[in-house]
Amino acid sequence: MPAPTLYYFPMSPPARAVLLLVKELGLTVNKTVLSTLQLKQVDPMAGETRTEEFLRINPEHTIPALDDNGFYLGESRAILTYLVDAYRPGHSLYPNIPKEKAMINRVLHHDLGAFYPKFFASFGGLFSGAQTEITDENRATAHKALSDLENYLVRNDFFAGENPTVADLSLLPMIATAVHCGLDLTKYKRLNEWYENCRQLKGYEDDQEVARQIGVFIRSKFPAGLEGFN
């Protein structure tokens, strides 16, 4: 049976979350043996997510998207949980323990419904040039998103317990991107400690390198980067 195909863009935080999972699970990439994953890069800025072929896989024309032998799945958080359940069931990143899984799902829902859209909206326009400054409203929105997120770390080192889960993998790329664009995370003590704890992840350094590249790109267009959040 052919390996599932992940459609991704290397700069995309949601796609990078899935790449972090691939490394944590030890899935072999781009080889046709059991429990592997084929990677296919698509460029949304070149319209490659709006082709007839891609829209059949993901009508929302977003990345990442997964094709597991005709089973199509969009939304990175759904892909994260599916890959664990399908290829490493019971793994500690998404265990088959109802209460632990519920806590992970809770954070994933917060990420999708609150943190990611609010936080990205506060600076996402810098990438396209639609935004040329960090306003007081942007700063307040970002601070609220980060403060609300930090509340999940009151009792644990990671977002859903004492060990990393897919919830942490989902959040790390966006936070890393912001840090390398100029966000001073030390103003959020628990978030900063969590960020340091994430160094144990197998794909941490690779993701950091991508975040660094994004930081260079943003500062080439907007030298202050996200320092206006500090």
C-alpha atoms as a PDB file:
ATOM      1  CA  MET A   1       0.000   0.000   0.000  1.00  0.00           C
ATOM      2  CA  PRO A   2       1.415   3.431  -0.918  1.00  0.00           C
ATOM      3  CA  ALA A   3       2.575   5.660   1.900  1.00  0.00           C
ATOM      4  CA  PRO A   4       0.381   8.626   2.836  1.00  0.00           C
ATOM      5  CA  THR A   5       1.291  11.960   1.257  1.00  0.00           C
ATOM      6  CA  LEU A   6       1.614  15.164   3.250  1.00  0.00           C
ATOM      7  CA  TYR A   7       1.169  18.374   1.276  1.00  0.00           C
ATOM      8  CA  TYR A   8       3.085  21.126   3.018  1.00  0.00           C
ATOM      9  CA  PHE A   9       4.899  24.434   2.731  1.00  0.00           C
ATOM     10  CA  PRO A  10       8.117  24.619   4.789  1.00  0.00           C
ATOM     11  CA  MET A  11       7.464  28.091   6.226  1.00  0.00           C
ATOM     12  CA  SER A  12       3.937  27.259   7.418  1.00  0.00           C
ATOM     13  CA  PRO A  13       3.697  26.855  11.221  1.00  0.00           C
ATOM     14  CA  PRO A  14       0.845  24.302  10.984  1.00  0.00           C
ATOM     15  CA  ALA A  15       2.807  22.258   8.432  1.00  0.00           C
ATOM     16  CA  ARG A  16       5.918  22.480  10.608  1.00  0.00           C
ATOM     17  CA  ALA A  17       3.902  21.061  13.510  1.00  0.00           C
ATOM     18  CA  VAL A  18       3.255  17.919  11.477  1.00  0.00           C
ATOM     19  CA  LEU A  19       6.941  17.711  10.526  1.00  0.00           C
ATOM     20  CA  LEU A  20       7.796  17.855  14.236  1.00  0.00           C
ATOM     21  CA  LEU A  21       5.459  14.919  14.782  1.00  0.00           C
ATOM     22  CA  VAL A  22       7.046  12.928  11.959  1.00  0.00           C
ATOM     23  CA  LYS A  23      10.423  13.241  13.670  1.00  0.00           C
ATOM     24  CA  GLU A  24       9.035  12.408  17.123  1.00  0.00           C
ATOM     25  CA  LEU A  25       7.281   9.279  15.849  1.00  0.00           C
ATOM     26  CA  GLY A  26      10.299   8.185  13.851  1.00  0.00           C
ATOM     27  CA  LEU A  27       8.327   7.890  10.622  1.00  0.00           C
ATOM     28  CA  THR A  28      10.536   7.358   7.604  1.00  0.00           C
ATOM     29  CA  VAL A  29      10.026  10.055   4.996  1.00  0.00           C
ATOM     30  CA  ASN A  30       9.790   9.577   1.231  1.00  0.00           C
ATOM     31  CA  LYS A  31      10.448   5.818   1.166  1.00  0.00           C
ATOM     32  CA  THR A  32       7.915   3.240   0.121  1.00  0.00           C
ATOM     33  CA  VAL A  33       7.852   1.015   3.201  1.00  0.00           C
ATOM     34  CA  LEU A  34       5.357   0.644   6.023  1.00  0.00           C
ATOM     35  CA  SER A  35       4.807   3.636   8.292  1.00  0.00           C
ATOM     36  CA  THR A  36       6.397   6.198   6.013  1.00  0.00           C
ATOM     37  CA  LEU A  37       5.254   9.553   4.785  1.00  0.00           C
ATOM     38  CA  GLN A  38       5.676  11.067   1.353  1.00  0.00           C
ATOM     39  CA  LEU A  39       6.239  14.827   1.403  1.00  0.00           C
ATOM     40  CA  LYS A  40       4.966  17.014  -1.424  1.00  0.00           C
ATOM     41  CA  GLN A  41       5.714  20.724  -1.237  1.00  0.00           C
ATOM     42  CA  VAL A  42       3.046  23.125  -2.469  1.00  0.00           C
ATOM     43  CA  ASP A  43       3.333  26.900  -2.626  1.00  0.00           C
ATOM     44  CA  PRO A  44       0.117  28.707  -1.645  1.00  0.00           C
ATOM     45  CA  MET A  45       1.530  32.010  -2.880  1.00  0.00           C
ATOM     46  CA  ALA A  46       1.860  30.510  -6.357  1.00  0.00           C
ATOM     47  CA  GLY A  47      -1.743  29.328  -6.322  1.00  0.00           C
ATOM     48  CA  GLU A  48      -0.825  25.671  -5.906  1.00  0.00           C
ATOM     49  CA  THR A  49      -3.406  25.139  -3.159  1.00  0.00           C
ATOM     50  CA  ARG A  50      -6.213  26.267  -5.468  1.00  0.00           C
ATOM     51  CA  THR A  51      -5.750  23.738  -8.236  1.00  0.00           C
ATOM     52  CA  GLU A  52      -8.509  21.250  -8.955  1.00  0.00           C
ATOM     53  CA  GLU A  53      -6.287  18.420  -7.708  1.00  0.00           C
ATOM     54  CA  PHE A  54      -5.527  20.088  -4.390  1.00  0.00           C
ATOM     55  CA  LEU A  55      -9.089  21.273  -3.762  1.00  0.00           C
ATOM     56  CA  ARG A  56     -10.227  17.677  -4.095  1.00  0.00           C
ATOM     57  CA  ILE A  57      -7.911  16.847  -1.189  1.00  0.00           C
ATOM     58  CA  ASN A  58      -8.660  19.926   0.890  1.00  0.00           C
ATOM     59  CA  PRO A  59     -11.572  22.166  -0.180  1.00  0.00           C
ATOM     60  CA  GLU A  60     -10.405  24.787   2.325  1.00  0.00           C
ATOM     61  CA  HIS A  61      -7.238  25.214   0.195  1.00  0.00           C
ATOM     62  CA  THR A  62      -5.032  25.343   3.293  1.00  0.00           C
ATOM     63  CA  ILE A  63      -1.881  23.501   4.240  1.00  0.00           C
ATOM     64  CA  PRO A  64      -0.971  21.033   5.477  1.00  0.00           C
ATOM     65  CA  ALA A  65      -3.221  18.423   3.928  1.00  0.00           C
ATOM     66  CA  LEU A  66      -2.970  14.647   4.013  1.00  0.00           C
ATOM     67  CA  ASP A  67      -3.845  11.981   1.463  1.00  0.00           C
ATOM     68  CA  ASP A  68      -3.733   8.545   3.063  1.00  0.00           C
ATOM     69  CA  ASN A  69      -4.651   6.351   0.106  1.00  0.00           C
ATOM     70  CA  GLY A  70      -7.790   8.274  -0.719  1.00  0.00           C
ATOM     71  CA  PHE A  71      -8.578   9.345   2.825  1.00  0.00           C
ATOM     72  CA  TYR A  72      -8.239  13.122   2.640  1.00  0.00           C
ATOM     73  CA  LEU A  73      -7.686  15.268   5.696  1.00  0.00           C
ATOM     74  CA  GLY A  74      -7.030  18.968   6.154  1.00  0.00           C
ATOM     75  CA  GLU A  75      -6.342  20.938   9.369  1.00  0.00           C
ATOM     76  CA  SER A  76      -2.995  20.312  11.038  1.00  0.00           C
ATOM     77  CA  ARG A  77      -4.411  19.429  14.443  1.00  0.00           C
ATOM     78  CA  ALA A  78      -6.629  16.748  12.936  1.00  0.00           C
ATOM     79  CA  ILE A  79      -3.637  15.432  10.996  1.00  0.00           C
ATOM     80  CA  LEU A  80      -1.502  15.322  14.149  1.00  0.00           C
ATOM     81  CA  THR A  81      -3.993  13.211  16.073  1.00  0.00           C
ATOM     82  CA  TYR A  82      -4.803  11.005  13.087  1.00  0.00           C
ATOM     83  CA  LEU A  83      -1.168  10.131  12.384  1.00  0.00           C
ATOM     84  CA  VAL A  84      -0.608   9.042  15.977  1.00  0.00           C
ATOM     85  CA  ASP A  85      -3.812   7.008  16.126  1.00  0.00           C
ATOM     86  CA  ALA A  86      -3.192   5.423  12.726  1.00  0.00           C
ATOM     87  CA  TYR A  87       0.563   4.779  12.833  1.00  0.00           C
ATOM     88  CA  ARG A  88       1.657   4.868  16.485  1.00  0.00           C
ATOM     89  CA  PRO A  89      -1.532   4.156  18.494  1.00  0.00           C
ATOM     90  CA  GLY A  90      -1.148   4.719  22.210  1.00  0.00           C
ATOM     91  CA  HIS A  91       2.002   6.850  21.827  1.00  0.00           C
ATOM     92  CA  SER A  92       2.544   9.281  24.703  1.00  0.00           C
ATOM     93  CA  LEU A  93       2.147  12.204  22.307  1.00  0.00           C
ATOM     94  CA  TYR A  94      -1.561  11.303  22.069  1.00  0.00           C
ATOM     95  CA  PRO A  95      -2.244   8.422  24.483  1.00  0.00           C
ATOM     96  CA  ASN A  96      -5.302   6.189  24.530  1.00  0.00           C
ATOM     97  CA  ILE A  97      -6.253   7.407  27.986  1.00  0.00           C
ATOM     98  CA  PRO A  98      -9.542   9.344  27.879  1.00  0.00           C
ATOM     99  CA  LYS A  99      -8.703  12.021  30.446  1.00  0.00           C
ATOM    100  CA  GLU A 100      -5.234  12.664  29.042  1.00  0.00           C
ATOM    101  CA  LYS A 101      -6.581  12.753  25.501  1.00  0.00           C
ATOM    102  CA  ALA A 102      -9.326  15.159  26.595  1.00  0.00           C
ATOM    103  CA  MET A 103      -6.756  17.566  28.046  1.00  0.00           C
ATOM    104  CA  ILE A 104      -4.759  17.446  24.826  1.00  0.00           C
ATOM    105  CA  ASN A 105      -7.885  18.054  22.751  1.00  0.00           C
ATOM    106  CA  ARG A 106      -8.785  20.990  24.980  1.00  0.00           C
ATOM    107  CA  VAL A 107      -5.492  22.722  24.190  1.00  0.00           C
ATOM    108  CA  LEU A 108      -5.743  21.890  20.486  1.00  0.00           C
ATOM    109  CA  HIS A 109      -9.217  23.439  20.353  1.00  0.00           C
ATOM    110  CA  HIS A 110      -7.954  26.550  22.137  1.00  0.00           C
ATOM    111  CA  ASP A 111      -5.076  26.794  19.688  1.00  0.00           C
ATOM    112  CA  LEU A 112      -7.355  26.484  16.659  1.00  0.00           C
ATOM    113  CA  GLY A 113     -10.239  28.608  17.894  1.00  0.00           C
ATOM    114  CA  ALA A 114      -8.520  31.297  19.937  1.00  0.00           C
ATOM    115  CA  PHE A 115      -4.736  31.481  20.120  1.00  0.00           C
ATOM    116  CA  TYR A 116      -3.639  30.960  16.524  1.00  0.00           C
ATOM    117  CA  PRO A 117      -6.191  33.220  14.785  1.00  0.00           C
ATOM    118  CA  LYS A 118      -5.839  36.037  17.317  1.00  0.00           C
ATOM    119  CA  PHE A 119      -2.070  35.924  17.595  1.00  0.00           C
ATOM    120  CA  PHE A 120      -1.460  35.621  13.858  1.00  0.00           C
ATOM    121  CA  ALA A 121      -3.931  38.420  13.135  1.00  0.00           C
ATOM    122  CA  SER A 122      -1.782  40.737  15.245  1.00  0.00           C
ATOM    123  CA  PHE A 123       1.190  40.517  12.872  1.00  0.00           C
ATOM    124  CA  GLY A 124       0.322  38.335   9.864  1.00  0.00           C
ATOM    125  CA  GLY A 125      -0.060  41.364   7.604  1.00  0.00           C
ATOM    126  CA  LEU A 126       3.694  41.963   7.843  1.00  0.00           C
ATOM    127  CA  PHE A 127       4.271  38.986   5.540  1.00  0.00           C
ATOM    128  CA  SER A 128       2.210  40.430   2.699  1.00  0.00           C
ATOM    129  CA  GLY A 129       3.001  44.087   3.280  1.00  0.00           C
ATOM    130  CA  ALA A 130      -0.598  44.832   4.229  1.00  0.00           C
ATOM    131  CA  GLN A 131       0.661  45.773   7.701  1.00  0.00           C
ATOM    132  CA  THR A 132       3.501  48.253   8.170  1.00  0.00           C
ATOM    133  CA  GLU A 133       3.518  48.771  11.919  1.00  0.00           C
ATOM    134  CA  ILE A 134       2.617  47.209  15.241  1.00  0.00           C
ATOM    135  CA  THR A 135      -0.297  49.209  16.613  1.00  0.00           C
ATOM    136  CA  ASP A 136      -1.494  49.437  20.201  1.00  0.00           C
ATOM    137  CA  GLU A 137      -4.398  47.206  19.206  1.00  0.00           C
ATOM    138  CA  ASN A 138      -2.011  44.635  17.713  1.00  0.00           C
ATOM    139  CA  ARG A 139       0.062  44.710  20.884  1.00  0.00           C
ATOM    140  CA  ALA A 140      -2.976  44.252  23.117  1.00  0.00           C
ATOM    141  CA  THR A 141      -4.295  41.382  20.983  1.00  0.00           C
ATOM    142  CA  ALA A 142      -0.959  39.567  21.045  1.00  0.00           C
ATOM    143  CA  HIS A 143      -0.543  40.066  24.794  1.00  0.00           C
ATOM    144  CA  LYS A 144      -4.032  38.724  25.491  1.00  0.00           C
ATOM    145  CA  ALA A 145      -3.438  35.681  23.289  1.00  0.00           C
ATOM    146  CA  LEU A 146      -0.107  34.896  24.956  1.00  0.00           C
ATOM    147  CA  SER A 147      -1.400  35.514  28.478  1.00  0.00           C
ATOM    148  CA  ASP A 148      -4.419  33.271  27.931  1.00  0.00           C
ATOM    149  CA  LEU A 149      -2.164  30.572  26.526  1.00  0.00           C
ATOM    150  CA  GLU A 150       0.211  30.821  29.468  1.00  0.00           C
ATOM    151  CA  ASN A 151      -2.609  29.934  31.852  1.00  0.00           C
ATOM    152  CA  TYR A 152      -2.432  26.358  30.583  1.00  0.00           C
ATOM    153  CA  LEU A 153       1.057  26.074  32.076  1.00  0.00           C
ATOM    154  CA  VAL A 154       0.153  26.887  35.682  1.00  0.00           C
ATOM    155  CA  ARG A 155       0.285  23.247  36.822  1.00  0.00           C
ATOM    156  CA  ASN A 156       2.480  21.502  34.255  1.00  0.00           C
ATOM    157  CA  ASP A 157       5.711  21.905  32.318  1.00  0.00           C
ATOM    158  CA  PHE A 158       3.905  21.210  29.051  1.00  0.00           C
ATOM    159  CA  PHE A 159       0.474  22.201  27.820  1.00  0.00           C
ATOM    160  CA  ALA A 160      -1.343  18.976  28.626  1.00  0.00           C
ATOM    161  CA  GLY A 161       0.830  17.388  31.299  1.00  0.00           C
ATOM    162  CA  GLU A 162       4.383  16.747  32.389  1.00  0.00           C
ATOM    163  CA  ASN A 163       5.507  15.439  29.004  1.00  0.00           C
ATOM    164  CA  PRO A 164       5.270  16.760  25.439  1.00  0.00           C
ATOM    165  CA  THR A 165       2.148  15.937  23.437  1.00  0.00           C
ATOM    166  CA  VAL A 166       0.763  16.912  20.059  1.00  0.00           C
ATOM    167  CA  ALA A 167      -0.596  20.033  21.770  1.00  0.00           C
ATOM    168  CA  ASP A 168       2.963  21.279  22.271  1.00  0.00           C
ATOM    169  CA  LEU A 169       3.935  20.343  18.724  1.00  0.00           C
ATOM    170  CA  SER A 170       0.999  22.355  17.421  1.00  0.00           C
ATOM    171  CA  LEU A 171       1.955  25.480  19.355  1.00  0.00           C
ATOM    172  CA  LEU A 172       5.745  25.482  19.082  1.00  0.00           C
ATOM    173  CA  PRO A 173       6.206  26.597  15.439  1.00  0.00           C
ATOM    174  CA  MET A 174       4.085  29.726  15.806  1.00  0.00           C
ATOM    175  CA  ILE A 175       5.791  30.703  19.072  1.00  0.00           C
ATOM    176  CA  ALA A 176       9.225  30.034  17.564  1.00  0.00           C
ATOM    177  CA  THR A 177       8.363  32.166  14.552  1.00  0.00           C
ATOM    178  CA  ALA A 178       7.340  35.071  16.774  1.00  0.00           C
ATOM    179  CA  VAL A 179      10.499  34.765  18.889  1.00  0.00           C
ATOM    180  CA  HIS A 180      12.760  34.884  15.834  1.00  0.00           C
ATOM    181  CA  CYS A 181      10.786  37.841  14.520  1.00  0.00           C
ATOM    182  CA  GLY A 182      11.570  39.792  17.700  1.00  0.00           C
ATOM    183  CA  LEU A 183       9.098  38.753  20.418  1.00  0.00           C
ATOM    184  CA  ASP A 184      10.686  38.813  23.885  1.00  0.00           C
ATOM    185  CA  LEU A 185       9.246  35.643  25.395  1.00  0.00           C
ATOM    186  CA  THR A 186      10.984  36.211  28.736  1.00  0.00           C
ATOM    187  CA  LYS A 187       8.116  38.548  29.605  1.00  0.00           C
ATOM    188  CA  TYR A 188       5.993  35.390  29.870  1.00  0.00           C
ATOM    189  CA  LYS A 189       7.869  33.315  32.440  1.00  0.00           C
ATOM    190  CA  ARG A 190       5.976  30.045  32.108  1.00  0.00           C
ATOM    191  CA  LEU A 191       5.835  30.250  28.315  1.00  0.00           C
ATOM    192  CA  ASN A 192       9.554  30.926  28.184  1.00  0.00           C
ATOM    193  CA  GLU A 193      10.292  27.935  30.431  1.00  0.00           C
ATOM    194  CA  TRP A 194       8.079  25.756  28.248  1.00  0.00           C
ATOM    195  CA  TYR A 195       9.896  27.005  25.141  1.00  0.00           C
ATOM    196  CA  GLU A 196      13.210  25.974  26.673  1.00  0.00           C
ATOM    197  CA  ASN A 197      11.780  22.580  27.665  1.00  0.00           C
ATOM    198  CA  CYS A 198      10.850  21.983  24.035  1.00  0.00           C
ATOM    199  CA  ARG A 199      14.553  21.663  23.204  1.00  0.00           C
ATOM    200  CA  GLN A 200      14.166  17.961  23.969  1.00  0.00           C
ATOM    201  CA  LEU A 201      12.024  17.479  20.851  1.00  0.00           C
ATOM    202  CA  LYS A 202      13.833  15.692  18.037  1.00  0.00           C
ATOM    203  CA  GLY A 203      12.818  18.236  15.429  1.00  0.00           C
ATOM    204  CA  TYR A 204      13.409  21.311  17.580  1.00  0.00           C
ATOM    205  CA  GLU A 205      16.594  22.538  15.900  1.00  0.00           C
ATOM    206  CA  ASP A 206      15.261  21.999  12.390  1.00  0.00           C
ATOM    207  CA  ASP A 207      12.168  24.011  13.243  1.00  0.00           C
ATOM    208  CA  GLN A 208      14.288  26.723  14.839  1.00  0.00           C
ATOM    209  CA  GLU A 209      16.240  27.088  11.615  1.00  0.00           C
ATOM    210  CA  VAL A 210      13.040  27.652   9.644  1.00  0.00           C
ATOM    211  CA  ALA A 211      11.889  30.177  12.251  1.00  0.00           C
ATOM    212  CA  ARG A 212      15.231  31.989  11.911  1.00  0.00           C
ATOM    213  CA  GLN A 213      14.761  32.215   8.149  1.00  0.00           C
ATOM    214  CA  ILE A 214      11.298  33.685   8.619  1.00  0.00           C
ATOM    215  CA  GLY A 215      12.739  36.203  11.077  1.00  0.00           C
ATOM    216  CA  VAL A 216      15.315  37.306   8.508  1.00  0.00           C
ATOM    217  CA  PHE A 217      12.579  37.657   5.887  1.00  0.00           C
ATOM    218  CA  ILE A 218      10.320  39.741   8.129  1.00  0.00           C
ATOM    219  CA  ARG A 219      13.145  42.027   9.235  1.00  0.00           C
ATOM    220  CA  SER A 220      14.167  42.576   5.615  1.00  0.00           C
ATOM    221  CA  LYS A 221      10.725  44.096   5.044  1.00  0.00           C
ATOM    222  CA  PHE A 222      10.070  45.458   8.527  1.00  0.00           C
ATOM    223  CA  PRO A 223      13.344  45.969  10.452  1.00  0.00           C
ATOM    224  CA  ALA A 224      11.687  46.292  13.862  1.00  0.00           C
ATOM    225  CA  GLY A 225      10.049  42.906  13.476  1.00  0.00           C
ATOM    226  CA  LEU A 226       7.850  42.120  16.463  1.00  0.00           C
ATOM    227  CA  GLU A 227       9.805  44.264  18.899  1.00  0.00           C
ATOM    228  CA  GLY A 228       6.699  46.424  19.113  1.00  0.00           C
ATOM    229  CA  PHE A 229       5.080  43.639  21.143  1.00  0.00           C
ATOM    230  CA  ASN A 230       7.698  43.988  23.899  1.00  0.00           C
END
